Amino acid sequence: MKLLATLLLLASAAPAQPFGSPACHGESADRFFLFICHSPHRKVPLWTAYTSIPAHLDGSAARPRRFRQDLQLVSSGAADSDYLHSVYSRGHLAPAADFAFSDAAIGSTFLLSNAVPQRQSVNAGRWRQVENAVRRIARHADRVHVFTGVLFEGEPRRIGAGGVSVPSHTYKVILVEHGPARKMYAVIVPNQDQVRETLDQFAVSVDEVEHRTGLDFFSELPDEQEQELESSRELLSGWSARGK
């Protein structure tokens, strides 16, 4: 019975997002404040999804002191000990700062099922800039729908006794709603030291993320609008210059 329950859970579709979610080729893990598609093989999230509104961005909930193992996963996930003595940080996919509107919300981001091994120079550098840019956009929008995920291009390194896979890249795909207007942004950032390119040089189209991941984002948008938005390459830094 446990094996059957596991197979049913792994095959289940992601919960409905307003404009559609990609397939989850792993374990679907609904953590109420965010959705996690977790890989039992890689022991990291393949992607996460959540919606942010401006009111969520001014919270003062305290950050937990440490990550904790996600014991609700049917399959085994990463343990904190897997990261010890490695050169990698526990990098959030869904960032804690977007969930500081309640203790429970920010706590959900400190599950290891929401973390990937990430170079600290990237985690505290370009990736943090990406997260800050998304929050800046969200403050001037009605809402943003955010997917964050990983790429494994080439054979990944594994860390710890659990064999946690190190992604080659991390990405974000966001759909912005402001009144009747919609816009998409996407970035792909390499998970390596000495990343010197500017933030805008990592901007790509959603089409490129779909091509490199094999996933289909926002599939429930009208076809013509989806094609137009996903083919454009928008710069995260450009939002403020254009205003709302």
Protein backbone atom coordinates (compact mmCIF):
# COMPACT_ATOMS: atom_id res chain seq x y z
CA MET A 1 0.00 0.00 0.00
CA LYS A 2 2.83 2.41 0.79
CA LEU A 3 4.40 1.78 -2.62
CA LEU A 4 1.05 2.46 -4.33
CA ALA A 5 0.60 5.67 -2.36
CA THR A 6 4.11 6.76 -3.33
CA LEU A 7 3.50 6.11 -7.02
CA LEU A 8 0.22 8.00 -6.94
CA LEU A 9 1.87 10.96 -5.23
CA LEU A 10 4.77 11.06 -7.66
CA ALA A 11 2.39 10.99 -10.61
CA SER A 12 0.08 13.68 -9.28
CA ALA A 13 -0.16 16.98 -11.09
CA ALA A 14 0.81 20.27 -9.52
CA PRO A 15 -2.06 22.18 -7.90
CA ALA A 16 -3.77 24.62 -10.22
CA GLN A 17 -1.92 27.91 -10.67
CA PRO A 18 -3.84 30.83 -12.18
CA PHE A 19 -2.23 30.39 -15.60
CA GLY A 20 -1.07 26.78 -15.47
CA SER A 21 1.87 24.88 -13.96
CA PRO A 22 4.50 22.70 -15.62
CA ALA A 23 4.49 18.98 -15.08
CA CYS A 24 6.19 17.78 -11.92
CA HIS A 25 8.61 14.97 -12.76
CA GLY A 26 9.13 14.15 -9.11
CA GLU A 27 7.18 14.36 -5.87
CA SER A 28 4.50 17.04 -5.66
CA ALA A 29 4.80 18.74 -2.28
CA ASP A 30 2.18 21.36 -1.41
CA ARG A 31 3.49 23.33 1.55
CA PHE A 32 0.49 25.69 1.71
CA PHE A 33 2.45 28.90 1.17
CA LEU A 34 4.42 27.52 -1.75
CA PHE A 35 4.40 24.50 -4.01
CA ILE A 36 7.53 22.35 -4.37
CA CYS A 37 8.30 19.83 -7.10
CA HIS A 38 10.97 17.69 -5.43
CA SER A 39 13.24 15.12 -7.06
CA PRO A 40 13.68 11.88 -5.08
CA HIS A 41 16.70 11.08 -7.26
CA ARG A 42 18.44 14.46 -7.03
CA LYS A 43 17.21 15.19 -3.47
CA VAL A 44 16.63 18.82 -4.38
CA PRO A 45 13.62 20.77 -5.62
CA LEU A 46 13.30 20.78 -9.39
CA TRP A 47 11.13 23.88 -9.17
CA THR A 48 8.97 25.84 -6.78
CA ALA A 49 5.93 28.05 -7.36
CA TYR A 50 4.16 30.81 -5.46
CA THR A 51 2.25 34.05 -6.00
CA SER A 52 3.36 37.29 -4.36
CA ILE A 53 1.41 40.50 -3.76
CA PRO A 54 2.73 43.85 -2.45
CA ALA A 55 1.19 43.32 1.00
CA HIS A 56 3.35 40.22 1.48
CA LEU A 57 6.59 42.14 1.10
CA ASP A 58 6.54 44.30 4.23
CA GLY A 59 6.39 41.58 6.85
CA SER A 60 8.65 41.40 9.89
CA ALA A 61 8.59 37.70 10.74
CA ALA A 62 11.99 36.54 11.97
CA ARG A 63 14.08 34.25 9.81
CA PRO A 64 14.55 30.79 11.34
CA ARG A 65 18.11 30.11 12.46
CA ARG A 66 18.55 27.00 10.37
CA PHE A 67 17.04 24.82 7.67
CA ARG A 68 15.21 21.66 8.69
CA GLN A 69 14.58 18.39 6.91
CA ASP A 70 11.21 18.07 5.18
CA LEU A 71 9.79 15.06 6.98
CA GLN A 72 6.52 15.23 5.02
CA LEU A 73 8.22 14.00 1.85
CA VAL A 74 7.28 10.45 0.95
CA SER A 75 10.72 9.90 -0.58
CA SER A 76 13.87 10.75 1.35
CA GLY A 77 15.20 14.26 0.91
CA ALA A 78 18.35 16.12 1.85
CA ALA A 79 19.56 16.29 5.44
CA ASP A 80 21.40 19.24 6.93
CA SER A 81 24.47 17.05 7.39
CA ASP A 82 24.72 16.66 3.59
CA TYR A 83 25.83 20.29 3.37
CA LEU A 84 28.39 20.15 6.17
CA HIS A 85 32.03 20.44 5.08
CA SER A 86 30.98 21.17 1.49
CA VAL A 87 31.72 24.40 -0.36
CA TYR A 88 28.00 25.00 -1.00
CA SER A 89 25.41 27.12 0.75
CA ARG A 90 21.81 26.06 1.28
CA GLY A 91 20.34 28.22 -1.44
CA HIS A 92 16.62 29.05 -1.24
CA LEU A 93 14.55 28.61 -4.38
CA ALA A 94 11.50 30.39 -2.92
CA PRO A 95 13.26 33.22 -1.02
CA ALA A 96 12.56 33.82 2.64
CA ALA A 97 12.15 37.59 2.22
CA ASP A 98 9.05 37.05 0.06
CA PHE A 99 7.36 35.16 2.91
CA ALA A 100 8.08 37.36 5.94
CA PHE A 101 4.37 38.17 6.32
CA SER A 102 3.99 35.36 8.90
CA ASP A 103 6.11 33.00 10.97
CA ALA A 104 4.51 29.98 9.32
CA ALA A 105 5.10 31.36 5.83
CA ILE A 106 8.77 32.18 6.30
CA GLY A 107 9.26 28.88 8.11
CA SER A 108 8.04 26.98 5.04
CA THR A 109 10.95 28.38 3.03
CA PHE A 110 13.48 26.91 5.47
CA LEU A 111 12.65 23.35 4.53
CA LEU A 112 15.56 21.60 2.83
CA SER A 113 13.10 20.59 0.11
CA ASN A 114 13.25 24.29 -0.87
CA ALA A 115 17.06 24.44 -0.95
CA VAL A 116 19.78 23.52 -3.43
CA PRO A 117 23.58 23.45 -3.11
CA GLN A 118 24.61 26.88 -4.35
CA ARG A 119 27.96 28.62 -4.48
CA GLN A 120 28.00 31.26 -1.77
CA SER A 121 29.36 33.90 -4.15
CA VAL A 122 26.29 33.34 -6.35
CA ASN A 123 23.86 33.01 -3.45
CA ALA A 124 24.99 36.32 -1.94
CA GLY A 125 25.75 37.94 -5.30
CA ARG A 126 23.89 37.73 -8.59
CA TRP A 127 21.18 35.42 -7.27
CA ARG A 128 20.35 37.82 -4.45
CA GLN A 129 20.17 40.60 -7.02
CA VAL A 130 17.67 38.54 -9.00
CA GLU A 131 15.52 38.04 -5.89
CA ASN A 132 15.67 41.74 -5.04
CA ALA A 133 14.67 42.65 -8.58
CA VAL A 134 11.65 40.35 -8.46
CA ARG A 135 10.54 41.95 -5.18
CA ARG A 136 10.99 45.40 -6.68
CA ILE A 137 8.76 44.42 -9.57
CA ALA A 138 6.20 42.85 -7.22
CA ARG A 139 5.91 46.05 -5.20
CA HIS A 140 4.64 47.89 -8.29
CA ALA A 141 2.35 45.15 -9.59
CA ASP A 142 -0.99 43.70 -8.56
CA ARG A 143 0.64 40.27 -8.26
CA VAL A 144 3.48 38.21 -9.62
CA HIS A 145 3.51 34.46 -10.24
CA VAL A 146 6.98 33.05 -9.68
CA PHE A 147 8.55 29.77 -10.74
CA THR A 148 12.12 29.07 -9.62
CA GLY A 149 14.04 25.99 -10.61
CA VAL A 150 17.29 24.28 -11.48
CA LEU A 151 19.12 22.95 -14.50
CA PHE A 152 21.42 19.94 -14.62
CA GLU A 153 23.56 20.37 -17.70
CA GLY A 154 26.27 17.74 -17.58
CA GLU A 155 26.79 15.11 -14.90
CA PRO A 156 26.21 16.83 -11.54
CA ARG A 157 28.51 16.69 -8.56
CA ARG A 158 26.91 15.16 -5.47
CA ILE A 159 27.51 16.14 -1.87
CA GLY A 160 26.99 14.48 1.48
CA ALA A 161 26.10 10.95 2.45
CA GLY A 162 22.70 11.45 0.84
CA GLY A 163 24.20 12.26 -2.55
CA VAL A 164 22.50 15.64 -3.02
CA SER A 165 22.92 16.83 -6.62
CA VAL A 166 24.51 20.21 -7.36
CA PRO A 167 22.67 22.07 -10.16
CA SER A 168 24.62 23.69 -12.97
CA HIS A 169 22.22 26.67 -13.10
CA THR A 170 19.25 28.18 -11.33
CA TYR A 171 16.45 30.06 -13.08
CA LYS A 172 13.41 32.22 -12.43
CA VAL A 173 10.34 32.69 -14.58
CA ILE A 174 7.78 35.30 -13.52
CA LEU A 175 4.47 36.55 -14.84
CA VAL A 176 3.57 40.07 -13.75
CA GLU A 177 0.00 41.33 -13.61
CA HIS A 178 -0.74 45.04 -13.32
CA GLY A 179 -4.31 45.90 -14.21
CA PRO A 180 -4.99 44.43 -17.65
CA ALA A 181 -1.27 44.43 -18.53
CA ARG A 182 0.89 41.33 -18.32
CA LYS A 183 4.62 40.88 -18.74
CA MET A 184 7.06 38.00 -18.34
CA TYR A 185 10.65 37.94 -17.16
CA ALA A 186 13.15 35.09 -17.03
CA VAL A 187 16.77 34.65 -15.98
CA ILE A 188 19.23 31.76 -15.91
CA VAL A 189 22.25 32.10 -13.60
CA PRO A 190 25.21 29.68 -13.59
CA ASN A 191 26.05 28.07 -10.26
CA GLN A 192 29.76 28.79 -10.29
CA ASP A 193 32.30 31.13 -8.74
CA GLN A 194 33.61 34.20 -10.54
CA VAL A 195 30.30 35.18 -12.11
CA ARG A 196 31.14 38.62 -13.47
CA GLU A 197 28.37 39.35 -15.97
CA THR A 198 25.83 42.01 -15.07
CA LEU A 199 22.35 40.99 -13.99
CA ASP A 200 20.79 41.92 -17.31
CA GLN A 201 23.20 39.66 -19.18
CA PHE A 202 21.45 36.68 -17.56
CA ALA A 203 18.04 37.73 -18.88
CA VAL A 204 16.51 35.23 -21.31
CA SER A 205 13.11 34.56 -22.79
CA VAL A 206 10.71 32.15 -21.12
CA ASP A 207 10.94 30.17 -24.34
CA GLU A 208 14.63 29.55 -23.65
CA VAL A 209 13.92 28.30 -20.12
CA GLU A 210 11.27 25.98 -21.53
CA HIS A 211 13.68 24.72 -24.17
CA ARG A 212 16.42 23.97 -21.64
CA THR A 213 14.13 22.42 -19.01
CA GLY A 214 11.52 20.70 -21.17
CA LEU A 215 8.80 22.36 -19.05
CA ASP A 216 5.77 24.36 -20.17
CA PHE A 217 4.99 27.44 -18.08
CA PHE A 218 1.73 29.42 -18.12
CA SER A 219 0.10 27.06 -20.61
CA GLU A 220 -3.40 28.26 -19.74
CA LEU A 221 -2.85 31.75 -21.11
CA PRO A 222 -4.49 32.47 -24.46
CA ASP A 223 -2.16 30.96 -27.08
CA GLU A 224 -1.41 34.20 -28.90
CA GLN A 225 -0.62 36.05 -25.67
CA GLU A 226 1.47 33.18 -24.34
CA GLN A 227 3.55 33.08 -27.52
CA GLU A 228 4.10 36.83 -27.50
CA LEU A 229 5.06 37.06 -23.83
CA GLU A 230 7.24 33.95 -23.75
CA SER A 231 9.25 34.92 -26.80
CA SER A 232 10.27 38.34 -25.43
CA ARG A 233 13.47 38.96 -23.48
CA GLU A 234 12.75 41.54 -20.78
CA LEU A 235 15.42 43.08 -18.55
CA LEU A 236 14.77 42.98 -14.81
CA SER A 237 16.38 46.40 -14.47
CA GLY A 238 14.02 47.89 -17.03
CA TRP A 239 10.85 47.78 -14.93
CA SER A 240 11.71 50.77 -12.73
CA ALA A 241 12.74 52.87 -15.72
CA ARG A 242 9.35 52.31 -17.35
CA GLY A 243 7.41 52.75 -14.14
CA LYS A 244 4.29 50.70 -13.54
